[in-house]
Amino acid sequence: ISALEQATFVAELAREELPVDVQHQRALRDLLLVEEGPHHQHFGR
């Protein structure tokens, strides 16, 4: 996978647009949360 393909996949996950139940995408989102600030949330792996 290229970095561009990976970033596109991540965008679909972030927007809850993957072809799986939204609850599963939200659960993964919770696992990937790195930090929260007053004006941002950062997710990564």
PDB file of all heavy atoms in Angstrom:
ATOM      1  N   ILE A   1       0.851  -1.179   0.000  1.00  0.00           N
ATOM      2  CA  ILE A   1       0.000   0.000   0.000  1.00  0.00           C
ATOM      3  C   ILE A   1       0.891   1.235   0.000  1.00  0.00           C
ATOM      4  O   ILE A   1       1.934   1.254   0.656  1.00  0.00           O
ATOM      5  CB  ILE A   1      -0.980   0.010   1.201  1.00  0.00           C
ATOM      6  CG1 ILE A   1      -2.025   1.119   1.050  1.00  0.00           C
ATOM      7  CG2 ILE A   1      -0.237   0.077   2.523  1.00  0.00           C
ATOM      8  CD1 ILE A   1      -3.235   0.953   1.952  1.00  0.00           C
ATOM      9  N   SER A   2       0.491   2.234  -0.759  1.00  0.00           N
ATOM     10  CA  SER A   2       1.248   3.487  -0.791  1.00  0.00           C
ATOM     11  C   SER A   2       0.781   4.389   0.347  1.00  0.00           C
ATOM     12  O   SER A   2      -0.282   4.171   0.935  1.00  0.00           O
ATOM     13  CB  SER A   2       1.029   4.196  -2.131  1.00  0.00           C
ATOM     14  OG  SER A   2      -0.296   4.722  -2.202  1.00  0.00           O
ATOM     15  N   ALA A   3       1.561   5.394   0.644  1.00  0.00           N
ATOM     16  CA  ALA A   3       1.176   6.356   1.681  1.00  0.00           C
ATOM     17  C   ALA A   3      -0.123   7.067   1.293  1.00  0.00           C
ATOM     18  O   ALA A   3      -0.991   7.297   2.142  1.00  0.00           O
ATOM     19  CB  ALA A   3       2.294   7.362   1.923  1.00  0.00           C
ATOM     20  N   LEU A   4      -0.290   7.397   0.018  1.00  0.00           N
ATOM     21  CA  LEU A   4      -1.519   8.052  -0.424  1.00  0.00           C
ATOM     22  C   LEU A   4      -2.729   7.130  -0.254  1.00  0.00           C
ATOM     23  O   LEU A   4      -3.780   7.552   0.241  1.00  0.00           O
ATOM     24  CB  LEU A   4      -1.404   8.501  -1.881  1.00  0.00           C
ATOM     25  CG  LEU A   4      -2.614   9.214  -2.465  1.00  0.00           C
ATOM     26  CD1 LEU A   4      -2.976  10.454  -1.647  1.00  0.00           C
ATOM     27  CD2 LEU A   4      -2.359   9.587  -3.916  1.00  0.00           C
ATOM     28  N   GLU A   5      -2.577   5.860  -0.616  1.00  0.00           N
ATOM     29  CA  GLU A   5      -3.669   4.899  -0.425  1.00  0.00           C
ATOM     30  C   GLU A   5      -3.993   4.735   1.056  1.00  0.00           C
ATOM     31  O   GLU A   5      -5.159   4.652   1.442  1.00  0.00           O
ATOM     32  CB  GLU A   5      -3.301   3.543  -1.027  1.00  0.00           C
ATOM     33  CG  GLU A   5      -3.259   3.529  -2.536  1.00  0.00           C
ATOM     34  CD  GLU A   5      -2.625   2.253  -3.083  1.00  0.00           C
ATOM     35  OE1 GLU A   5      -1.654   1.737  -2.485  1.00  0.00           O
ATOM     36  OE2 GLU A   5      -3.124   1.781  -4.125  1.00  0.00           O
ATOM     37  N   GLN A   6      -2.957   4.702   1.886  1.00  0.00           N
ATOM     38  CA  GLN A   6      -3.159   4.562   3.323  1.00  0.00           C
ATOM     39  C   GLN A   6      -3.909   5.777   3.882  1.00  0.00           C
ATOM     40  O   GLN A   6      -4.838   5.638   4.667  1.00  0.00           O
ATOM     41  CB  GLN A   6      -1.799   4.404   4.012  1.00  0.00           C
ATOM     42  CG  GLN A   6      -1.862   4.049   5.464  1.00  0.00           C
ATOM     43  CD  GLN A   6      -2.280   2.630   5.720  1.00  0.00           C
ATOM     44  OE1 GLN A   6      -3.460   2.342   5.730  1.00  0.00           O
ATOM     45  NE2 GLN A   6      -1.330   1.759   5.937  1.00  0.00           N
ATOM     46  N   ALA A   7      -3.511   6.985   3.458  1.00  0.00           N
ATOM     47  CA  ALA A   7      -4.180   8.209   3.928  1.00  0.00           C
ATOM     48  C   ALA A   7      -5.634   8.249   3.460  1.00  0.00           C
ATOM     49  O   ALA A   7      -6.520   8.709   4.192  1.00  0.00           O
ATOM     50  CB  ALA A   7      -3.427   9.448   3.454  1.00  0.00           C
ATOM     51  N   THR A   8      -5.907   7.746   2.272  1.00  0.00           N
ATOM     52  CA  THR A   8      -7.277   7.683   1.762  1.00  0.00           C
ATOM     53  C   THR A   8      -8.115   6.725   2.593  1.00  0.00           C
ATOM     54  O   THR A   8      -9.250   7.032   2.966  1.00  0.00           O
ATOM     55  CB  THR A   8      -7.278   7.263   0.277  1.00  0.00           C
ATOM     56  OG1 THR A   8      -6.540   8.237  -0.470  1.00  0.00           O
ATOM     57  CG2 THR A   8      -8.686   7.149  -0.269  1.00  0.00           C
ATOM     58  N   PHE A   9      -7.559   5.565   2.917  1.00  0.00           N
ATOM     59  CA  PHE A   9      -8.250   4.594   3.761  1.00  0.00           C
ATOM     60  C   PHE A   9      -8.538   5.199   5.138  1.00  0.00           C
ATOM     61  O   PHE A   9      -9.646   5.073   5.673  1.00  0.00           O
ATOM     62  CB  PHE A   9      -7.407   3.321   3.894  1.00  0.00           C
ATOM     63  CG  PHE A   9      -8.002   2.302   4.811  1.00  0.00           C
ATOM     64  CD1 PHE A   9      -9.017   1.467   4.385  1.00  0.00           C
ATOM     65  CD2 PHE A   9      -7.547   2.174   6.119  1.00  0.00           C
ATOM     66  CE1 PHE A   9      -9.576   0.519   5.242  1.00  0.00           C
ATOM     67  CE2 PHE A   9      -8.090   1.237   6.980  1.00  0.00           C
ATOM     68  CZ  PHE A   9      -9.111   0.410   6.539  1.00  0.00           C
ATOM     69  N   VAL A  10      -7.546   5.864   5.709  1.00  0.00           N
ATOM     70  CA  VAL A  10      -7.706   6.490   7.021  1.00  0.00           C
ATOM     71  C   VAL A  10      -8.801   7.555   6.977  1.00  0.00           C
ATOM     72  O   VAL A  10      -9.599   7.679   7.910  1.00  0.00           O
ATOM     73  CB  VAL A  10      -6.361   7.076   7.503  1.00  0.00           C
ATOM     74  CG1 VAL A  10      -6.536   7.992   8.687  1.00  0.00           C
ATOM     75  CG2 VAL A  10      -5.392   5.947   7.840  1.00  0.00           C
ATOM     76  N   ALA A  11      -8.867   8.316   5.895  1.00  0.00           N
ATOM     77  CA  ALA A  11      -9.918   9.332   5.753  1.00  0.00           C
ATOM     78  C   ALA A  11     -11.299   8.686   5.748  1.00  0.00           C
ATOM     79  O   ALA A  11     -12.237   9.209   6.364  1.00  0.00           O
ATOM     80  CB  ALA A  11      -9.705  10.151   4.474  1.00  0.00           C
ATOM     81  N   GLU A  12     -11.431   7.552   5.077  1.00  0.00           N
ATOM     82  CA  GLU A  12     -12.719   6.850   5.061  1.00  0.00           C
ATOM     83  C   GLU A  12     -13.084   6.354   6.452  1.00  0.00           C
ATOM     84  O   GLU A  12     -14.251   6.416   6.855  1.00  0.00           O
ATOM     85  CB  GLU A  12     -12.684   5.700   4.057  1.00  0.00           C
ATOM     86  CG  GLU A  12     -12.625   6.184   2.623  1.00  0.00           C
ATOM     87  CD  GLU A  12     -12.437   5.066   1.612  1.00  0.00           C
ATOM     88  OE1 GLU A  12     -12.267   3.894   2.018  1.00  0.00           O
ATOM     89  OE2 GLU A  12     -12.454   5.364   0.415  1.00  0.00           O
ATOM     90  N   LEU A  13     -12.097   5.884   7.204  1.00  0.00           N
ATOM     91  CA  LEU A  13     -12.345   5.471   8.581  1.00  0.00           C
ATOM     92  C   LEU A  13     -12.749   6.676   9.430  1.00  0.00           C
ATOM     93  O   LEU A  13     -13.728   6.617  10.179  1.00  0.00           O
ATOM     94  CB  LEU A  13     -11.098   4.804   9.172  1.00  0.00           C
ATOM     95  CG  LEU A  13     -11.138   4.500  10.669  1.00  0.00           C
ATOM     96  CD1 LEU A  13     -12.261   3.527  10.996  1.00  0.00           C
ATOM     97  CD2 LEU A  13      -9.792   3.962  11.123  1.00  0.00           C
ATOM     98  N   ALA A  14     -12.026   7.763   9.311  1.00  0.00           N
ATOM     99  CA  ALA A  14     -12.309   8.962  10.108  1.00  0.00           C
ATOM    100  C   ALA A  14     -13.710   9.510   9.825  1.00  0.00           C
ATOM    101  O   ALA A  14     -14.383  10.014  10.725  1.00  0.00           O
ATOM    102  CB  ALA A  14     -11.263  10.036   9.833  1.00  0.00           C
ATOM    103  N   ARG A  15     -14.137   9.395   8.577  1.00  0.00           N
ATOM    104  CA  ARG A  15     -15.474   9.886   8.185  1.00  0.00           C
ATOM    105  C   ARG A  15     -16.562   8.834   8.355  1.00  0.00           C
ATOM    106  O   ARG A  15     -17.707   9.057   7.981  1.00  0.00           O
ATOM    107  CB  ARG A  15     -15.439  10.333   6.730  1.00  0.00           C
ATOM    108  CG  ARG A  15     -14.602  11.546   6.472  1.00  0.00           C
ATOM    109  CD  ARG A  15     -14.732  11.971   5.006  1.00  0.00           C
ATOM    110  NE  ARG A  15     -13.815  13.033   4.707  1.00  0.00           N
ATOM    111  CZ  ARG A  15     -12.783  12.933   3.854  1.00  0.00           C
ATOM    112  NH1 ARG A  15     -12.561  11.797   3.210  1.00  0.00           N
ATOM    113  NH2 ARG A  15     -11.992  13.950   3.655  1.00  0.00           N
ATOM    114  N   GLU A  16     -16.181   7.668   8.880  1.00  0.00           N
ATOM    115  CA  GLU A  16     -17.102   6.550   9.078  1.00  0.00           C
ATOM    116  C   GLU A  16     -17.745   6.120   7.764  1.00  0.00           C
ATOM    117  O   GLU A  16     -18.930   5.831   7.691  1.00  0.00           O
ATOM    118  CB  GLU A  16     -18.160   6.897  10.123  1.00  0.00           C
ATOM    119  CG  GLU A  16     -17.569   7.226  11.475  1.00  0.00           C
ATOM    120  CD  GLU A  16     -18.587   7.706  12.496  1.00  0.00           C
ATOM    121  OE1 GLU A  16     -19.745   8.008  12.131  1.00  0.00           O
ATOM    122  OE2 GLU A  16     -18.205   7.781  13.678  1.00  0.00           O
ATOM    123  N   GLU A  17     -16.916   6.053   6.709  1.00  0.00           N
ATOM    124  CA  GLU A  17     -17.388   5.702   5.373  1.00  0.00           C
ATOM    125  C   GLU A  17     -16.949   4.317   4.914  1.00  0.00           C
ATOM    126  O   GLU A  17     -17.206   3.934   3.772  1.00  0.00           O
ATOM    127  CB  GLU A  17     -16.875   6.736   4.354  1.00  0.00           C
ATOM    128  CG  GLU A  17     -17.420   8.127   4.569  1.00  0.00           C
ATOM    129  CD  GLU A  17     -16.779   9.160   3.666  1.00  0.00           C
ATOM    130  OE1 GLU A  17     -15.720   8.877   3.057  1.00  0.00           O
ATOM    131  OE2 GLU A  17     -17.343  10.264   3.576  1.00  0.00           O
ATOM    132  N   LEU A  18     -16.297   3.552   5.781  1.00  0.00           N
ATOM    133  CA  LEU A  18     -15.905   2.204   5.392  1.00  0.00           C
ATOM    134  C   LEU A  18     -17.142   1.313   5.326  1.00  0.00           C
ATOM    135  O   LEU A  18     -18.125   1.560   6.028  1.00  0.00           O
ATOM    136  CB  LEU A  18     -14.902   1.631   6.399  1.00  0.00           C
ATOM    137  CG  LEU A  18     -13.524   2.285   6.415  1.00  0.00           C
ATOM    138  CD1 LEU A  18     -12.669   1.703   7.534  1.00  0.00           C
ATOM    139  CD2 LEU A  18     -12.823   2.111   5.072  1.00  0.00           C
ATOM    140  N   PRO A  19     -17.097   0.281   4.511  1.00  0.00           N
ATOM    141  CA  PRO A  19     -18.269  -0.582   4.329  1.00  0.00           C
ATOM    142  C   PRO A  19     -18.451  -1.584   5.471  1.00  0.00           C
ATOM    143  O   PRO A  19     -18.586  -2.780   5.247  1.00  0.00           O
ATOM    144  CB  PRO A  19     -17.983  -1.275   2.998  1.00  0.00           C
ATOM    145  CG  PRO A  19     -16.494  -1.360   2.941  1.00  0.00           C
ATOM    146  CD  PRO A  19     -16.006  -0.090   3.596  1.00  0.00           C
ATOM    147  N   VAL A  20     -18.439  -1.073   6.702  1.00  0.00           N
ATOM    148  CA  VAL A  20     -18.701  -1.878   7.888  1.00  0.00           C
ATOM    149  C   VAL A  20     -19.577  -1.064   8.827  1.00  0.00           C
ATOM    150  O   VAL A  20     -19.712   0.155   8.681  1.00  0.00           O
ATOM    151  CB  VAL A  20     -17.401  -2.302   8.630  1.00  0.00           C
ATOM    152  CG1 VAL A  20     -16.572  -3.236   7.777  1.00  0.00           C
ATOM    153  CG2 VAL A  20     -16.593  -1.111   9.047  1.00  0.00           C
ATOM    154  N   ASP A  21     -20.138  -1.724   9.796  1.00  0.00           N
ATOM    155  CA  ASP A  21     -21.001  -1.077  10.769  1.00  0.00           C
ATOM    156  C   ASP A  21     -20.301   0.134  11.392  1.00  0.00           C
ATOM    157  O   ASP A  21     -19.141   0.044  11.803  1.00  0.00           O
ATOM    158  CB  ASP A  21     -21.365  -2.099  11.849  1.00  0.00           C
ATOM    159  CG  ASP A  21     -22.468  -1.625  12.763  1.00  0.00           C
ATOM    160  OD1 ASP A  21     -22.446  -0.459  13.195  1.00  0.00           O
ATOM    161  OD2 ASP A  21     -23.346  -2.442  13.066  1.00  0.00           O
ATOM    162  N   VAL A  22     -20.994   1.245  11.471  1.00  0.00           N
ATOM    163  CA  VAL A  22     -20.444   2.473  12.039  1.00  0.00           C
ATOM    164  C   VAL A  22     -19.981   2.259  13.481  1.00  0.00           C
ATOM    165  O   VAL A  22     -18.968   2.830  13.901  1.00  0.00           O
ATOM    166  CB  VAL A  22     -21.469   3.628  11.934  1.00  0.00           C
ATOM    167  CG1 VAL A  22     -21.028   4.842  12.735  1.00  0.00           C
ATOM    168  CG2 VAL A  22     -21.701   4.004  10.484  1.00  0.00           C
ATOM    169  N   GLN A  23     -20.675   1.421  14.230  1.00  0.00           N
ATOM    170  CA  GLN A  23     -20.264   1.149  15.614  1.00  0.00           C
ATOM    171  C   GLN A  23     -18.859   0.555  15.672  1.00  0.00           C
ATOM    172  O   GLN A  23     -18.092   0.867  16.580  1.00  0.00           O
ATOM    173  CB  GLN A  23     -21.250   0.204  16.292  1.00  0.00           C
ATOM    174  CG  GLN A  23     -22.589   0.841  16.585  1.00  0.00           C
ATOM    175  CD  GLN A  23     -23.536  -0.165  17.199  1.00  0.00           C
ATOM    176  OE1 GLN A  23     -23.828  -1.198  16.604  1.00  0.00           O
ATOM    177  NE2 GLN A  23     -23.994   0.147  18.405  1.00  0.00           N
ATOM    178  N   HIS A  24     -18.503  -0.292  14.715  1.00  0.00           N
ATOM    179  CA  HIS A  24     -17.171  -0.876  14.673  1.00  0.00           C
ATOM    180  C   HIS A  24     -16.123   0.194  14.350  1.00  0.00           C
ATOM    181  O   HIS A  24     -15.025   0.198  14.920  1.00  0.00           O
ATOM    182  CB  HIS A  24     -17.092  -2.012  13.658  1.00  0.00           C
ATOM    183  CG  HIS A  24     -17.997  -3.150  13.966  1.00  0.00           C
ATOM    184  ND1 HIS A  24     -17.930  -3.870  15.141  1.00  0.00           N
ATOM    185  CD2 HIS A  24     -19.002  -3.702  13.254  1.00  0.00           C
ATOM    186  CE1 HIS A  24     -18.853  -4.811  15.144  1.00  0.00           C
ATOM    187  NE2 HIS A  24     -19.521  -4.734  14.001  1.00  0.00           N
ATOM    188  N   GLN A  25     -16.462   1.096  13.439  1.00  0.00           N
ATOM    189  CA  GLN A  25     -15.546   2.178  13.097  1.00  0.00           C
ATOM    190  C   GLN A  25     -15.346   3.113  14.292  1.00  0.00           C
ATOM    191  O   GLN A  25     -14.229   3.576  14.553  1.00  0.00           O
ATOM    192  CB  GLN A  25     -16.067   2.946  11.888  1.00  0.00           C
ATOM    193  CG  GLN A  25     -16.058   2.090  10.625  1.00  0.00           C
ATOM    194  CD  GLN A  25     -16.683   2.779   9.453  1.00  0.00           C
ATOM    195  OE1 GLN A  25     -16.047   3.631   8.842  1.00  0.00           O
ATOM    196  NE2 GLN A  25     -17.925   2.421   9.132  1.00  0.00           N
ATOM    197  N   ARG A  26     -16.402   3.347  15.047  1.00  0.00           N
ATOM    198  CA  ARG A  26     -16.294   4.206  16.236  1.00  0.00           C
ATOM    199  C   ARG A  26     -15.474   3.527  17.329  1.00  0.00           C
ATOM    200  O   ARG A  26     -14.711   4.188  18.037  1.00  0.00           O
ATOM    201  CB  ARG A  26     -17.679   4.574  16.749  1.00  0.00           C
ATOM    202  CG  ARG A  26     -18.375   5.553  15.825  1.00  0.00           C
ATOM    203  CD  ARG A  26     -19.738   5.946  16.305  1.00  0.00           C
ATOM    204  NE  ARG A  26     -20.351   6.857  15.333  1.00  0.00           N
ATOM    205  CZ  ARG A  26     -21.629   7.095  15.238  1.00  0.00           C
ATOM    206  NH1 ARG A  26     -22.485   6.511  16.076  1.00  0.00           N
ATOM    207  NH2 ARG A  26     -22.095   7.924  14.325  1.00  0.00           N
ATOM    208  N   ALA A  27     -15.596   2.231  17.457  1.00  0.00           N
ATOM    209  CA  ALA A  27     -14.800   1.499  18.439  1.00  0.00           C
ATOM    210  C   ALA A  27     -13.313   1.589  18.081  1.00  0.00           C
ATOM    211  O   ALA A  27     -12.463   1.799  18.952  1.00  0.00           O
ATOM    212  CB  ALA A  27     -15.246   0.042  18.524  1.00  0.00           C
ATOM    213  N   LEU A  28     -13.005   1.446  16.808  1.00  0.00           N
ATOM    214  CA  LEU A  28     -11.620   1.563  16.370  1.00  0.00           C
ATOM    215  C   LEU A  28     -11.109   2.979  16.591  1.00  0.00           C
ATOM    216  O   LEU A  28      -9.979   3.188  17.022  1.00  0.00           O
ATOM    217  CB  LEU A  28     -11.488   1.159  14.901  1.00  0.00           C
ATOM    218  CG  LEU A  28     -10.073   1.131  14.346  1.00  0.00           C
ATOM    219  CD1 LEU A  28      -9.166   0.243  15.182  1.00  0.00           C
ATOM    220  CD2 LEU A  28     -10.098   0.673  12.906  1.00  0.00           C
ATOM    221  N   ARG A  29     -11.946   3.941  16.323  1.00  0.00           N
ATOM    222  CA  ARG A  29     -11.605   5.340  16.564  1.00  0.00           C
ATOM    223  C   ARG A  29     -11.202   5.539  18.025  1.00  0.00           C
ATOM    224  O   ARG A  29     -10.190   6.185  18.315  1.00  0.00           O
ATOM    225  CB  ARG A  29     -12.817   6.200  16.207  1.00  0.00           C
ATOM    226  CG  ARG A  29     -12.712   7.638  16.547  1.00  0.00           C
ATOM    227  CD  ARG A  29     -14.100   8.306  16.366  1.00  0.00           C
ATOM    228  NE  ARG A  29     -14.044   9.678  16.679  1.00  0.00           N
ATOM    229  CZ  ARG A  29     -13.766  10.654  15.814  1.00  0.00           C
ATOM    230  NH1 ARG A  29     -13.506  10.348  14.555  1.00  0.00           N
ATOM    231  NH2 ARG A  29     -13.717  11.905  16.190  1.00  0.00           N
ATOM    232  N   ASP A  30     -11.959   4.972  18.945  1.00  0.00           N
ATOM    233  CA  ASP A  30     -11.642   5.083  20.371  1.00  0.00           C
ATOM    234  C   ASP A  30     -10.274   4.481  20.680  1.00  0.00           C
ATOM    235  O   ASP A  30      -9.527   5.006  21.497  1.00  0.00           O
ATOM    236  CB  ASP A  30     -12.714   4.416  21.224  1.00  0.00           C
ATOM    237  CG  ASP A  30     -14.050   5.133  21.191  1.00  0.00           C
ATOM    238  OD1 ASP A  30     -14.096   6.330  20.789  1.00  0.00           O
ATOM    239  OD2 ASP A  30     -15.064   4.507  21.564  1.00  0.00           O
ATOM    240  N   LEU A  31      -9.947   3.359  20.037  1.00  0.00           N
ATOM    241  CA  LEU A  31      -8.656   2.709  20.249  1.00  0.00           C
ATOM    242  C   LEU A  31      -7.490   3.527  19.707  1.00  0.00           C
ATOM    243  O   LEU A  31      -6.376   3.443  20.214  1.00  0.00           O
ATOM    244  CB  LEU A  31      -8.636   1.329  19.590  1.00  0.00           C
ATOM    245  CG  LEU A  31      -9.536   0.266  20.192  1.00  0.00           C
ATOM    246  CD1 LEU A  31      -9.563  -0.967  19.298  1.00  0.00           C
ATOM    247  CD2 LEU A  31      -9.064  -0.088  21.589  1.00  0.00           C
ATOM    248  N   LEU A  32      -7.754   4.316  18.682  1.00  0.00           N
ATOM    249  CA  LEU A  32      -6.696   5.060  18.007  1.00  0.00           C
ATOM    250  C   LEU A  32      -6.481   6.462  18.562  1.00  0.00           C
ATOM    251  O   LEU A  32      -5.552   7.155  18.133  1.00  0.00           O
ATOM    252  CB  LEU A  32      -6.992   5.153  16.504  1.00  0.00           C
ATOM    253  CG  LEU A  32      -7.023   3.825  15.745  1.00  0.00           C
ATOM    254  CD1 LEU A  32      -7.432   4.049  14.295  1.00  0.00           C
ATOM    255  CD2 LEU A  32      -5.690   3.118  15.826  1.00  0.00           C
ATOM    256  N   LEU A  33      -7.308   6.898  19.501  1.00  0.00           N
ATOM    257  CA  LEU A  33      -7.166   8.245  20.050  1.00  0.00           C
ATOM    258  C   LEU A  33      -5.816   8.389  20.747  1.00  0.00           C
ATOM    259  O   LEU A  33      -5.492   7.635  21.658  1.00  0.00           O
ATOM    260  CB  LEU A  33      -8.299   8.557  21.031  1.00  0.00           C
ATOM    261  CG  LEU A  33      -8.287   9.958  21.633  1.00  0.00           C
ATOM    262  CD1 LEU A  33      -8.457  11.031  20.554  1.00  0.00           C
ATOM    263  CD2 LEU A  33      -9.376  10.088  22.684  1.00  0.00           C
ATOM    264  N   VAL A  34      -5.029   9.371  20.303  1.00  0.00           N
ATOM    265  CA  VAL A  34      -3.705   9.628  20.857  1.00  0.00           C
ATOM    266  C   VAL A  34      -3.767  10.764  21.865  1.00  0.00           C
ATOM    267  O   VAL A  34      -3.186  10.682  22.942  1.00  0.00           O
ATOM    268  CB  VAL A  34      -2.698   9.979  19.737  1.00  0.00           C
ATOM    269  CG1 VAL A  34      -1.353  10.393  20.304  1.00  0.00           C
ATOM    270  CG2 VAL A  34      -2.550   8.822  18.759  1.00  0.00           C
ATOM    271  N   GLU A  35      -4.449  11.841  21.501  1.00  0.00           N
ATOM    272  CA  GLU A  35      -4.532  13.002  22.383  1.00  0.00           C
ATOM    273  C   GLU A  35      -5.729  13.859  22.017  1.00  0.00           C
ATOM    274  O   GLU A  35      -6.190  13.847  20.886  1.00  0.00           O
ATOM    275  CB  GLU A  35      -3.252  13.843  22.325  1.00  0.00           C
ATOM    276  CG  GLU A  35      -3.054  14.552  21.000  1.00  0.00           C
ATOM    277  CD  GLU A  35      -1.754  15.345  20.914  1.00  0.00           C
ATOM    278  OE1 GLU A  35      -0.706  14.803  21.306  1.00  0.00           O
ATOM    279  OE2 GLU A  35      -1.801  16.478  20.437  1.00  0.00           O
ATOM    280  N   GLU A  36      -6.186  14.578  23.010  1.00  0.00           N
ATOM    281  CA  GLU A  36      -7.250  15.556  22.807  1.00  0.00           C
ATOM    282  C   GLU A  36      -6.786  16.885  23.369  1.00  0.00           C
ATOM    283  O   GLU A  36      -6.204  16.935  24.454  1.00  0.00           O
ATOM    284  CB  GLU A  36      -8.518  15.143  23.540  1.00  0.00           C
ATOM    285  CG  GLU A  36      -9.272  14.015  22.900  1.00  0.00           C
ATOM    286  CD  GLU A  36     -10.603  13.774  23.565  1.00  0.00           C
ATOM    287  OE1 GLU A  36     -10.620  12.966  24.514  1.00  0.00           O
ATOM    288  OE2 GLU A  36     -11.595  14.382  23.140  1.00  0.00           O
ATOM    289  N   GLY A  37      -7.018  17.926  22.636  1.00  0.00           N
ATOM    290  CA  GLY A  37      -6.723  19.274  23.096  1.00  0.00           C
ATOM    291  C   GLY A  37      -7.978  20.110  22.992  1.00  0.00           C
ATOM    292  O   GLY A  37      -9.033  19.625  22.560  1.00  0.00           O
ATOM    293  N   PRO A  38      -7.883  21.374  23.364  1.00  0.00           N
ATOM    294  CA  PRO A  38      -9.074  22.217  23.321  1.00  0.00           C
ATOM    295  C   PRO A  38      -9.634  22.413  21.907  1.00  0.00           C
ATOM    296  O   PRO A  38     -10.826  22.652  21.743  1.00  0.00           O
ATOM    297  CB  PRO A  38      -8.614  23.545  23.922  1.00  0.00           C
ATOM    298  CG  PRO A  38      -7.131  23.500  23.951  1.00  0.00           C
ATOM    299  CD  PRO A  38      -6.721  22.068  23.896  1.00  0.00           C
ATOM    300  N   HIS A  39      -8.761  22.275  20.888  1.00  0.00           N
ATOM    301  CA  HIS A  39      -9.206  22.538  19.521  1.00  0.00           C
ATOM    302  C   HIS A  39      -8.901  21.400  18.555  1.00  0.00           C
ATOM    303  O   HIS A  39      -9.002  21.571  17.340  1.00  0.00           O
ATOM    304  CB  HIS A  39      -8.572  23.835  18.997  1.00  0.00           C
ATOM    305  CG  HIS A  39      -8.834  25.005  19.872  1.00  0.00           C
ATOM    306  ND1 HIS A  39     -10.082  25.581  19.986  1.00  0.00           N
ATOM    307  CD2 HIS A  39      -8.021  25.692  20.711  1.00  0.00           C
ATOM    308  CE1 HIS A  39     -10.018  26.588  20.842  1.00  0.00           C
ATOM    309  NE2 HIS A  39      -8.779  26.676  21.305  1.00  0.00           N
ATOM    310  N   HIS A  40      -8.496  20.230  19.092  1.00  0.00           N
ATOM    311  CA  HIS A  40      -8.184  19.138  18.184  1.00  0.00           C
ATOM    312  C   HIS A  40      -8.316  17.791  18.895  1.00  0.00           C
ATOM    313  O   HIS A  40      -8.273  17.700  20.115  1.00  0.00           O
ATOM    314  CB  HIS A  40      -6.759  19.282  17.633  1.00  0.00           C
ATOM    315  CG  HIS A  40      -5.695  18.872  18.610  1.00  0.00           C
ATOM    316  ND1 HIS A  40      -5.314  19.649  19.670  1.00  0.00           N
ATOM    317  CD2 HIS A  40      -4.939  17.741  18.688  1.00  0.00           C
ATOM    318  CE1 HIS A  40      -4.376  19.039  20.364  1.00  0.00           C
ATOM    319  NE2 HIS A  40      -4.121  17.865  19.790  1.00  0.00           N
ATOM    320  N   GLN A  41      -8.472  16.771  18.057  1.00  0.00           N
ATOM    321  CA  GLN A  41      -8.357  15.377  18.474  1.00  0.00           C
ATOM    322  C   GLN A  41      -7.391  14.728  17.497  1.00  0.00           C
ATOM    323  O   GLN A  41      -7.497  14.926  16.280  1.00  0.00           O
ATOM    324  CB  GLN A  41      -9.696  14.646  18.423  1.00  0.00           C
ATOM    325  CG  GLN A  41     -10.664  15.055  19.500  1.00  0.00           C
ATOM    326  CD  GLN A  41     -11.908  14.187  19.439  1.00  0.00           C
ATOM    327  OE1 GLN A  41     -12.564  14.109  18.416  1.00  0.00           O
ATOM    328  NE2 GLN A  41     -12.215  13.529  20.549  1.00  0.00           N
ATOM    329  N   HIS A  42      -6.466  13.947  18.045  1.00  0.00           N
ATOM    330  CA  HIS A  42      -5.431  13.324  17.233  1.00  0.00           C
ATOM    331  C   HIS A  42      -5.548  11.807  17.377  1.00  0.00           C
ATOM    332  O   HIS A  42      -5.561  11.285  18.496  1.00  0.00           O
ATOM    333  CB  HIS A  42      -4.069  13.834  17.726  1.00  0.00           C
ATOM    334  CG  HIS A  42      -2.900  13.158  17.103  1.00  0.00           C
ATOM    335  ND1 HIS A  42      -1.668  13.170  17.682  1.00  0.00           N
ATOM    336  CD2 HIS A  42      -2.751  12.452  15.967  1.00  0.00           C
ATOM    337  CE1 HIS A  42      -0.819  12.497  16.934  1.00  0.00           C
ATOM    338  NE2 HIS A  42      -1.464  12.057  15.889  1.00  0.00           N
ATOM    339  N   PHE A  43      -5.636  11.121  16.246  1.00  0.00           N
ATOM    340  CA  PHE A  43      -5.769   9.665  16.197  1.00  0.00           C
ATOM    341  C   PHE A  43      -4.603   9.109  15.396  1.00  0.00           C
ATOM    342  O   PHE A  43      -4.220   9.685  14.373  1.00  0.00           O
ATOM    343  CB  PHE A  43      -7.086   9.272  15.510  1.00  0.00           C
ATOM    344  CG  PHE A  43      -8.295   9.859  16.161  1.00  0.00           C
ATOM    345  CD1 PHE A  43      -8.716  11.145  15.847  1.00  0.00           C
ATOM    346  CD2 PHE A  43      -9.007   9.136  17.100  1.00  0.00           C
ATOM    347  CE1 PHE A  43      -9.836  11.699  16.457  1.00  0.00           C
ATOM    348  CE2 PHE A  43     -10.130   9.684  17.713  1.00  0.00           C
ATOM    349  CZ  PHE A  43     -10.539  10.964  17.392  1.00  0.00           C
ATOM    350  N   GLY A  44      -4.041   7.990  15.821  1.00  0.00           N
ATOM    351  CA  GLY A  44      -2.936   7.440  15.051  1.00  0.00           C
ATOM    352  C   GLY A  44      -2.490   6.088  15.537  1.00  0.00           C
ATOM    353  O   GLY A  44      -2.904   5.599  16.588  1.00  0.00           O
ATOM    354  N   ARG A  45      -1.599   5.501  14.740  1.00  0.00           N
ATOM    355  CA  ARG A  45      -1.068   4.172  15.038  1.00  0.00           C
ATOM    356  C   ARG A  45       0.239   4.005  14.287  1.00  0.00           C
ATOM    357  O   ARG A  45       0.362   4.407  13.134  1.00  0.00           O
ATOM    358  CB  ARG A  45      -2.074   3.123  14.573  1.00  0.00           C
ATOM    359  CG  ARG A  45      -1.659   1.696  14.781  1.00  0.00           C
ATOM    360  CD  ARG A  45      -1.842   1.288  16.208  1.00  0.00           C
ATOM    361  NE  ARG A  45      -1.625  -0.144  16.305  1.00  0.00           N
ATOM    362  CZ  ARG A  45      -1.002  -0.713  17.309  1.00  0.00           C
ATOM    363  NH1 ARG A  45      -0.570   0.000  18.299  1.00  0.00           N
ATOM    364  NH2 ARG A  45      -0.841  -2.014  17.335  1.00  0.00           N
TER     365      ARG A  45
END
